Each structure stands twice: as C-alpha cells, then as structure tokens.
Amino acid sequence: MTFPAILLGLLLSTLFGVGFHLWRGGGGGRLILYLVLAWVGFWVGHLVGDQLGWTFSSVGPLRLGMATLTSAIFLGVGHWLSLVEVERK
C-alpha cells in the first residue's frame, strides 16, 4: 500500500462520512459517529476485497469498489442503530 493510496482512502472515506452527515443531519456527535463508521467501513472493505482478490473498481492498490460498498453499509447500519431510543419509566 502506497502513501498516496492511503491518503486517497482517507480523503474519500472522510468525504463519505461528511456527505452522509449532510444528507441525514445531526449534531457534532453524529458527525464524529459518521466519520468513524465511514473510516472503519472503508478500510474493512478494502482489506476484504484485497484478501478475496476482488478488483472491482480498483484504483492502484486501493480496492475502491468494495471499500465504497462496505462504507455505505457501515454508515447505513450505524445510522439505523443510532436511532434506537431508550424508554424511561
């Protein structure tokens, strides 16, 4: 993995998290949640795509297609789980 590929991955995953925050809204806590989910989902997807040898939409050594897909899944599931409200009696 080259340094420019790591920077590109960080930039894209940050843009995914910020874009999701702009789309779904929320405060500063939600922004941090979405950034972390986007970063983790992006790199998990890259590693899974790399281990399985999937080259779907690769950019150099970066498995961009799989990384984007899993980042979107992490963001969607994380947002859905964050909507749970605790009932107080």
C-alpha atoms as a PDB file:
ATOM      1  CA  MET A   1       0.000   0.000   0.000  1.00  0.00           C
ATOM      2  CA  THR A   2       1.483   3.298  -1.049  1.00  0.00           C
ATOM      3  CA  PHE A   3       1.265   6.532   0.921  1.00  0.00           C
ATOM      4  CA  PRO A   4      -0.774   8.307  -1.814  1.00  0.00           C
ATOM      5  CA  ALA A   5      -3.271   5.413  -1.798  1.00  0.00           C
ATOM      6  CA  ILE A   6      -3.661   5.730   1.976  1.00  0.00           C
ATOM      7  CA  LEU A   7      -4.237   9.482   1.635  1.00  0.00           C
ATOM      8  CA  LEU A   8      -6.783   8.940  -1.133  1.00  0.00           C
ATOM      9  CA  GLY A   9      -8.593   6.354   1.003  1.00  0.00           C
ATOM     10  CA  LEU A  10      -8.687   8.705   3.992  1.00  0.00           C
ATOM     11  CA  LEU A  11      -9.915  11.577   1.838  1.00  0.00           C
ATOM     12  CA  LEU A  12     -12.656   9.533   0.175  1.00  0.00           C
ATOM     13  CA  SER A  13     -13.859   7.902   3.378  1.00  0.00           C
ATOM     14  CA  THR A  14     -13.946  11.301   5.089  1.00  0.00           C
ATOM     15  CA  LEU A  15     -15.994  12.675   2.197  1.00  0.00           C
ATOM     16  CA  PHE A  16     -18.386   9.722   2.519  1.00  0.00           C
ATOM     17  CA  GLY A  17     -18.853  10.408   6.235  1.00  0.00           C
ATOM     18  CA  VAL A  18     -19.308  14.169   5.783  1.00  0.00           C
ATOM     19  CA  GLY A  19     -21.669  13.648   2.849  1.00  0.00           C
ATOM     20  CA  PHE A  20     -23.769  11.218   4.863  1.00  0.00           C
ATOM     21  CA  HIS A  21     -23.878  13.728   7.728  1.00  0.00           C
ATOM     22  CA  LEU A  22     -25.024  16.481   5.365  1.00  0.00           C
ATOM     23  CA  TRP A  23     -27.702  14.166   3.989  1.00  0.00           C
ATOM     24  CA  ARG A  24     -29.025  12.787   7.300  1.00  0.00           C
ATOM     25  CA  GLY A  25     -28.234  15.739   9.579  1.00  0.00           C
ATOM     26  CA  GLY A  26     -27.433  15.783  13.268  1.00  0.00           C
ATOM     27  CA  GLY A  27     -25.049  17.466  15.634  1.00  0.00           C
ATOM     28  CA  GLY A  28     -21.343  17.190  16.217  1.00  0.00           C
ATOM     29  CA  GLY A  29     -21.669  13.801  17.867  1.00  0.00           C
ATOM     30  CA  ARG A  30     -23.366  12.394  14.793  1.00  0.00           C
ATOM     31  CA  LEU A  31     -20.620  13.838  12.580  1.00  0.00           C
ATOM     32  CA  ILE A  32     -17.973  12.012  14.613  1.00  0.00           C
ATOM     33  CA  LEU A  33     -20.042   8.816  14.515  1.00  0.00           C
ATOM     34  CA  TYR A  34     -20.422   9.007  10.741  1.00  0.00           C
ATOM     35  CA  LEU A  35     -16.732   9.760  10.210  1.00  0.00           C
ATOM     36  CA  VAL A  36     -15.658   6.779  12.309  1.00  0.00           C
ATOM     37  CA  LEU A  37     -18.171   4.491  10.605  1.00  0.00           C
ATOM     38  CA  ALA A  38     -17.040   5.648   7.167  1.00  0.00           C
ATOM     39  CA  TRP A  39     -13.339   5.181   8.007  1.00  0.00           C
ATOM     40  CA  VAL A  40     -13.797   1.736   9.536  1.00  0.00           C
ATOM     41  CA  GLY A  41     -16.171   0.564   6.812  1.00  0.00           C
ATOM     42  CA  PHE A  42     -13.881   1.828   4.060  1.00  0.00           C
ATOM     43  CA  TRP A  43     -10.759   0.082   5.331  1.00  0.00           C
ATOM     44  CA  VAL A  44     -12.595  -3.121   6.251  1.00  0.00           C
ATOM     45  CA  GLY A  45     -13.991  -3.225   2.723  1.00  0.00           C
ATOM     46  CA  HIS A  46     -10.581  -2.583   1.225  1.00  0.00           C
ATOM     47  CA  LEU A  47      -8.999  -5.369   3.284  1.00  0.00           C
ATOM     48  CA  VAL A  48     -11.799  -7.832   2.484  1.00  0.00           C
ATOM     49  CA  GLY A  49     -11.593  -7.010  -1.216  1.00  0.00           C
ATOM     50  CA  ASP A  50      -7.826  -7.381  -1.127  1.00  0.00           C
ATOM     51  CA  GLN A  51      -7.951 -10.736   0.698  1.00  0.00           C
ATOM     52  CA  LEU A  52     -10.583 -12.121  -1.674  1.00  0.00           C
ATOM     53  CA  GLY A  53      -8.750 -10.791  -4.715  1.00  0.00           C
ATOM     54  CA  TRP A  54     -11.712  -8.746  -5.927  1.00  0.00           C
ATOM     55  CA  THR A  55     -10.563  -5.941  -8.183  1.00  0.00           C
ATOM     56  CA  PHE A  56     -13.956  -4.320  -8.655  1.00  0.00           C
ATOM     57  CA  SER A  57     -13.267  -0.659  -9.436  1.00  0.00           C
ATOM     58  CA  SER A  58      -9.705  -0.634  -8.124  1.00  0.00           C
ATOM     59  CA  VAL A  59      -7.575   2.497  -8.180  1.00  0.00           C
ATOM     60  CA  GLY A  60      -3.970   1.377  -7.957  1.00  0.00           C
ATOM     61  CA  PRO A  61      -3.616  -0.783  -4.830  1.00  0.00           C
ATOM     62  CA  LEU A  62      -6.868   0.578  -3.380  1.00  0.00           C
ATOM     63  CA  ARG A  63      -9.945  -1.663  -3.726  1.00  0.00           C
ATOM     64  CA  LEU A  64     -12.257   1.295  -4.144  1.00  0.00           C
ATOM     65  CA  GLY A  65     -15.430  -0.527  -5.198  1.00  0.00           C
ATOM     66  CA  MET A  66     -15.551  -2.887  -2.245  1.00  0.00           C
ATOM     67  CA  ALA A  67     -14.408  -0.141   0.140  1.00  0.00           C
ATOM     68  CA  THR A  68     -17.170   2.196  -1.015  1.00  0.00           C
ATOM     69  CA  LEU A  69     -19.803  -0.525  -0.730  1.00  0.00           C
ATOM     70  CA  THR A  70     -18.872  -1.531   2.810  1.00  0.00           C
ATOM     71  CA  SER A  71     -18.520   2.089   3.878  1.00  0.00           C
ATOM     72  CA  ALA A  72     -22.093   2.701   2.731  1.00  0.00           C
ATOM     73  CA  ILE A  73     -23.263  -0.432   4.566  1.00  0.00           C
ATOM     74  CA  PHE A  74     -21.493   0.613   7.781  1.00  0.00           C
ATOM     75  CA  LEU A  75     -22.969   4.111   7.545  1.00  0.00           C
ATOM     76  CA  GLY A  76     -26.491   2.831   6.908  1.00  0.00           C
ATOM     77  CA  VAL A  77     -26.461   0.221   9.658  1.00  0.00           C
ATOM     78  CA  GLY A  78     -24.749   2.589  12.101  1.00  0.00           C
ATOM     79  CA  HIS A  79     -27.313   5.293  11.430  1.00  0.00           C
ATOM     80  CA  TRP A  80     -30.164   2.824  11.851  1.00  0.00           C
ATOM     81  CA  LEU A  81     -28.749   1.539  15.146  1.00  0.00           C
ATOM     82  CA  SER A  82     -28.249   5.094  16.419  1.00  0.00           C
ATOM     83  CA  LEU A  83     -31.965   5.804  16.050  1.00  0.00           C
ATOM     84  CA  VAL A  84     -32.846   3.467  18.938  1.00  0.00           C
ATOM     85  CA  GLU A  85     -34.343   5.387  21.835  1.00  0.00           C
ATOM     86  CA  VAL A  86     -34.417   4.161  25.414  1.00  0.00           C
ATOM     87  CA  GLU A  87     -37.814   4.266  27.067  1.00  0.00           C
ATOM     88  CA  ARG A  88     -37.754   5.826  30.512  1.00  0.00           C
ATOM     89  CA  LYS A  89     -40.316   4.864  33.102  1.00  0.00           C
END
